[in-house]
C-alpha atoms as a PDB file:
ATOM      1  CA  MET A   1      76.408 120.836  59.669  1.00  0.00           C
ATOM      2  CA  ALA A   2      73.652 120.327  57.253  1.00  0.00           C
ATOM      3  CA  SER A   3      73.328 117.913  54.388  1.00  0.00           C
ATOM      4  CA  LEU A   4      73.511 117.912  51.584  1.00  0.00           C
ATOM      5  CA  TYR A   5      71.284 115.524  51.133  1.00  0.00           C
ATOM      6  CA  HIS A   6      67.459 114.928  52.037  1.00  0.00           C
ATOM      7  CA  PHE A   7      66.333 111.400  52.640  1.00  0.00           C
ATOM      8  CA  ARG A   8      62.217 110.923  52.346  1.00  0.00           C
ATOM      9  CA  PRO A   9      60.556 107.983  53.443  1.00  0.00           C
ATOM     10  CA  MET A  10      59.092 106.725  50.061  1.00  0.00           C
ATOM     11  CA  THR A  11      55.635 106.444  49.595  1.00  0.00           C
ATOM     12  CA  THR A  12      53.288 104.723  46.845  1.00  0.00           C
ATOM     13  CA  ALA A  13      53.419 107.933  45.049  1.00  0.00           C
ATOM     14  CA  ASP A  14      56.956 107.498  44.838  1.00  0.00           C
ATOM     15  CA  LEU A  15      56.808 104.001  42.511  1.00  0.00           C
ATOM     16  CA  PRO A  16      56.288 105.645  39.139  1.00  0.00           C
ATOM     17  CA  LEU A  17      60.486 106.963  39.847  1.00  0.00           C
ATOM     18  CA  ILE A  18      61.562 104.351  41.085  1.00  0.00           C
ATOM     19  CA  LYS A  19      60.166 101.868  38.595  1.00  0.00           C
ATOM     20  CA  ARG A  20      61.559 104.471  35.944  1.00  0.00           C
ATOM     21  CA  TRP A  21      65.324 104.355  37.204  1.00  0.00           C
ATOM     22  CA  LEU A  22      65.287 101.024  37.963  1.00  0.00           C
ATOM     23  CA  ALA A  23      64.819 100.583  34.058  1.00  0.00           C
ATOM     24  CA  GLN A  24      68.225 103.244  33.321  1.00  0.00           C
ATOM     25  CA  PRO A  25      71.033 101.276  32.065  1.00  0.00           C
ATOM     26  CA  HIS A  26      73.673 102.131  34.640  1.00  0.00           C
ATOM     27  CA  VAL A  27      70.920 100.898  37.062  1.00  0.00           C
ATOM     28  CA  ARG A  28      70.066  97.942  35.477  1.00  0.00           C
ATOM     29  CA  GLU A  29      73.283  96.866  35.652  1.00  0.00           C
ATOM     30  CA  TRP A  30      73.841  95.931  38.873  1.00  0.00           C
ATOM     31  CA  TRP A  31      69.968  95.385  40.484  1.00  0.00           C
ATOM     32  CA  GLY A  32      69.144  93.144  37.868  1.00  0.00           C
ATOM     33  CA  ASP A  33      65.697  93.480  35.351  1.00  0.00           C
ATOM     34  CA  PRO A  34      63.701  95.830  36.487  1.00  0.00           C
ATOM     35  CA  ALA A  35      60.310  94.005  36.800  1.00  0.00           C
ATOM     36  CA  GLU A  36      62.204  91.904  39.100  1.00  0.00           C
ATOM     37  CA  GLN A  37      63.094  94.604  41.132  1.00  0.00           C
ATOM     38  CA  TYR A  38      60.615  96.545  41.569  1.00  0.00           C
ATOM     39  CA  ALA A  39      57.690  94.016  42.585  1.00  0.00           C
ATOM     40  CA  LEU A  40      60.884  93.925  45.461  1.00  0.00           C
ATOM     41  CA  VAL A  41      60.956  96.954  46.155  1.00  0.00           C
ATOM     42  CA  SER A  42      57.335  97.759  46.418  1.00  0.00           C
ATOM     43  CA  GLY A  43      56.470  94.952  48.344  1.00  0.00           C
ATOM     44  CA  ASP A  44      58.800  96.110  51.029  1.00  0.00           C
ATOM     45  CA  LEU A  45      57.004  98.919  51.847  1.00  0.00           C
ATOM     46  CA  ASP A  46      54.817  97.327  54.460  1.00  0.00           C
ATOM     47  CA  GLU A  47      57.545  95.555  55.396  1.00  0.00           C
ATOM     48  CA  PRO A  48      58.116  96.501  59.106  1.00  0.00           C
ATOM     49  CA  ALA A  49      62.294  96.000  59.221  1.00  0.00           C
ATOM     50  CA  MET A  50      62.694  97.676  56.010  1.00  0.00           C
ATOM     51  CA  ASP A  51      63.086 101.659  55.942  1.00  0.00           C
ATOM     52  CA  GLN A  52      63.159 102.904  52.253  1.00  0.00           C
ATOM     53  CA  PHE A  53      63.986 106.723  51.670  1.00  0.00           C
ATOM     54  CA  ILE A  54      63.897 108.845  48.418  1.00  0.00           C
ATOM     55  CA  VAL A  55      67.234 111.001  48.073  1.00  0.00           C
ATOM     56  CA  ALA A  56      67.119 114.350  46.714  1.00  0.00           C
ATOM     57  CA  ALA A  57      70.280 117.576  46.665  1.00  0.00           C
ATOM     58  CA  ASN A  58      68.836 120.852  46.360  1.00  0.00           C
ATOM     59  CA  GLY A  59      65.014 119.601  45.874  1.00  0.00           C
ATOM     60  CA  ASN A  60      65.368 117.225  43.399  1.00  0.00           C
ATOM     61  CA  ASP A  61      64.941 113.150  43.719  1.00  0.00           C
ATOM     62  CA  PHE A  62      67.620 111.608  42.266  1.00  0.00           C
ATOM     63  CA  GLY A  63      67.912 108.458  44.107  1.00  0.00           C
ATOM     64  CA  TYR A  64      67.056 105.452  45.874  1.00  0.00           C
ATOM     65  CA  ILE A  65      68.533 104.500  49.493  1.00  0.00           C
ATOM     66  CA  GLN A  66      66.892 101.162  51.746  1.00  0.00           C
ATOM     67  CA  CYS A  67      67.931 100.297  55.424  1.00  0.00           C
ATOM     68  CA  TYR A  68      66.994  96.846  56.963  1.00  0.00           C
ATOM     69  CA  ASP A  69      67.239  95.593  59.827  1.00  0.00           C
ATOM     70  CA  LEU A  70      70.134  92.875  59.251  1.00  0.00           C
ATOM     71  CA  THR A  71      68.248  89.866  61.459  1.00  0.00           C
ATOM     72  CA  ALA A  72      65.432  90.014  58.889  1.00  0.00           C
ATOM     73  CA  TRP A  73      67.542  89.776  56.492  1.00  0.00           C
ATOM     74  CA  ASN A  74      71.031  87.952  57.108  1.00  0.00           C
ATOM     75  CA  CYS A  75      71.572  86.556  53.658  1.00  0.00           C
ATOM     76  CA  GLY A  76      75.226  85.402  54.024  1.00  0.00           C
ATOM     77  CA  LEU A  77      77.197  88.260  56.241  1.00  0.00           C
ATOM     78  CA  GLY A  78      77.998  86.425  58.953  1.00  0.00           C
ATOM     79  CA  ALA A  79      77.563  87.234  62.325  1.00  0.00           C
ATOM     80  CA  GLN A  80      76.910  91.099  63.350  1.00  0.00           C
ATOM     81  CA  PRO A  81      76.365  92.780  66.168  1.00  0.00           C
ATOM     82  CA  ASP A  82      72.633  93.589  67.428  1.00  0.00           C
ATOM     83  CA  GLY A  83      70.914  96.173  66.316  1.00  0.00           C
ATOM     84  CA  THR A  84      73.271  96.489  62.854  1.00  0.00           C
ATOM     85  CA  ARG A  85      71.276  97.753  60.085  1.00  0.00           C
ATOM     86  CA  GLY A  86      72.663  96.704  56.304  1.00  0.00           C
ATOM     87  CA  ILE A  87      71.665  99.636  53.281  1.00  0.00           C
ATOM     88  CA  ASP A  88      71.226  99.052  49.722  1.00  0.00           C
ATOM     89  CA  LEU A  89      71.251 102.135  47.321  1.00  0.00           C
ATOM     90  CA  PHE A  90      71.080 103.165  43.619  1.00  0.00           C
ATOM     91  CA  ILE A  91      71.570 107.281  41.957  1.00  0.00           C
ATOM     92  CA  GLY A  92      68.372 107.088  39.502  1.00  0.00           C
ATOM     93  CA  ALA A  93      68.921 110.295  37.658  1.00  0.00           C
ATOM     94  CA  PRO A  94      72.042 109.210  35.012  1.00  0.00           C
ATOM     95  CA  ASP A  95      73.315 113.039  35.380  1.00  0.00           C
ATOM     96  CA  MET A  96      73.911 112.557  39.563  1.00  0.00           C
ATOM     97  CA  VAL A  97      76.158 109.520  38.343  1.00  0.00           C
ATOM     98  CA  ALA A  98      80.448 109.938  38.754  1.00  0.00           C
ATOM     99  CA  GLY A  99      80.140 113.578  40.810  1.00  0.00           C
ATOM    100  CA  GLY A 100      81.153 111.908  44.308  1.00  0.00           C
ATOM    101  CA  HIS A 101      77.189 111.718  45.614  1.00  0.00           C
ATOM    102  CA  GLY A 102      77.364 108.272  46.144  1.00  0.00           C
ATOM    103  CA  SER A 103      79.474 108.350  48.621  1.00  0.00           C
ATOM    104  CA  ALA A 104      78.605 111.949  49.930  1.00  0.00           C
ATOM    105  CA  LEU A 105      75.264 110.493  50.614  1.00  0.00           C
ATOM    106  CA  ILE A 106      76.386 107.357  51.723  1.00  0.00           C
ATOM    107  CA  ARG A 107      78.527 108.993  54.792  1.00  0.00           C
ATOM    108  CA  ALA A 108      75.951 111.501  55.284  1.00  0.00           C
ATOM    109  CA  PHE A 109      72.966 108.460  55.509  1.00  0.00           C
ATOM    110  CA  VAL A 110      75.407 106.148  57.296  1.00  0.00           C
ATOM    111  CA  GLU A 111      76.011 108.627  59.710  1.00  0.00           C
ATOM    112  CA  GLN A 112      72.694 109.824  61.203  1.00  0.00           C
ATOM    113  CA  ARG A 113      71.479 106.194  61.339  1.00  0.00           C
ATOM    114  CA  LEU A 114      74.943 105.622  63.445  1.00  0.00           C
ATOM    115  CA  ALA A 115      74.071 108.463  65.850  1.00  0.00           C
ATOM    116  CA  GLN A 116      70.441 107.424  66.210  1.00  0.00           C
ATOM    117  CA  GLY A 117      72.501 103.826  68.104  1.00  0.00           C
ATOM    118  CA  ALA A 118      73.106 101.091  65.112  1.00  0.00           C
ATOM    119  CA  PRO A 119      76.577  99.591  66.096  1.00  0.00           C
ATOM    120  CA  ARG A 120      77.245  99.330  62.880  1.00  0.00           C
ATOM    121  CA  ILE A 121      76.282  99.297  59.307  1.00  0.00           C
ATOM    122  CA  VAL A 122      77.444  96.771  56.507  1.00  0.00           C
ATOM    123  CA  VAL A 123      76.984  96.305  52.647  1.00  0.00           C
ATOM    124  CA  ASP A 124      77.645  93.315  50.707  1.00  0.00           C
ATOM    125  CA  PRO A 125      78.181  95.362  46.237  1.00  0.00           C
ATOM    126  CA  ASN A 126      79.567  93.154  43.214  1.00  0.00           C
ATOM    127  CA  PRO A 127      83.146  92.738  44.095  1.00  0.00           C
ATOM    128  CA  ALA A 128      82.892  93.965  40.548  1.00  0.00           C
ATOM    129  CA  ASN A 129      81.229  96.828  41.193  1.00  0.00           C
ATOM    130  CA  ALA A 130      84.415  99.080  41.348  1.00  0.00           C
ATOM    131  CA  ARG A 131      82.260 102.881  41.465  1.00  0.00           C
ATOM    132  CA  ALA A 132      79.807 101.522  44.122  1.00  0.00           C
ATOM    133  CA  VAL A 133      82.759  99.884  46.105  1.00  0.00           C
ATOM    134  CA  ARG A 134      85.564 103.358  45.761  1.00  0.00           C
ATOM    135  CA  ALA A 135      82.004 105.160  47.096  1.00  0.00           C
ATOM    136  CA  TYR A 136      81.528 103.237  50.079  1.00  0.00           C
ATOM    137  CA  ALA A 137      84.988 103.163  51.007  1.00  0.00           C
ATOM    138  CA  LYS A 138      85.385 106.452  50.879  1.00  0.00           C
ATOM    139  CA  ALA A 139      82.351 106.660  52.904  1.00  0.00           C
ATOM    140  CA  GLY A 140      83.357 104.787  55.329  1.00  0.00           C
ATOM    141  CA  PHE A 141      83.480 101.192  55.456  1.00  0.00           C
ATOM    142  CA  GLN A 142      86.319  99.257  55.583  1.00  0.00           C
ATOM    143  CA  GLU A 143      86.222  95.344  53.719  1.00  0.00           C
ATOM    144  CA  ALA A 144      85.774  92.779  55.481  1.00  0.00           C
ATOM    145  CA  GLY A 145      86.000  89.851  53.261  1.00  0.00           C
ATOM    146  CA  THR A 146      83.760  87.805  50.346  1.00  0.00           C
ATOM    147  CA  VAL A 147      81.261  86.365  51.279  1.00  0.00           C
ATOM    148  CA  GLU A 148      78.680  84.299  49.245  1.00  0.00           C
ATOM    149  CA  THR A 149      74.699  85.483  48.985  1.00  0.00           C
ATOM    150  CA  PRO A 150      71.435  84.405  47.380  1.00  0.00           C
ATOM    151  CA  ASP A 151      72.916  87.362  44.535  1.00  0.00           C
ATOM    152  CA  GLY A 152      76.187  85.014  43.996  1.00  0.00           C
ATOM    153  CA  PRO A 153      79.219  86.141  46.178  1.00  0.00           C
ATOM    154  CA  ALA A 154      79.661  90.018  47.223  1.00  0.00           C
ATOM    155  CA  LEU A 155      82.297  91.837  48.685  1.00  0.00           C
ATOM    156  CA  LEU A 156      81.450  92.659  52.786  1.00  0.00           C
ATOM    157  CA  MET A 157      82.040  95.832  53.833  1.00  0.00           C
ATOM    158  CA  VAL A 158      80.390  97.434  57.468  1.00  0.00           C
ATOM    159  CA  ARG A 159      80.469 100.703  59.200  1.00  0.00           C
ATOM    160  CA  ASP A 160      81.282 100.434  62.865  1.00  0.00           C
ATOM    161  CA  ALA A 161      79.645 103.431  65.196  1.00  0.00           C
END
């Protein structure tokens, strides 16, 4: 079955869109300072261990997802199987929030990565971000405990192949 969601590799042409999305109140609430996050996201375009995608549905771009090699960025997430990938994402378009798109796009993206051979996908939402925690749970992630990251406490959630 084809996914409703398309994951297009992000390019420098997408940076103005990313900058706008990071400034949205619903993104800023959990991602923090837009200028700081923009510097990080744009700086990762040439990072070989980081894959960045623009998420689209019905031809309309509405979100961002990054998928990284955990061996390059394991910031407090503990021992994980070789080949484990971490993800972070946001829905940038306000009209796409709270419509079930989060859990559905997460499931579609993660199933692609697991089918391509990743043994595990991990994510570390802020435990207070109930919407994100629910979306990951609906996408098949299991809670694996609280971890300390450079950004503070996070809820480690895992999905295995």
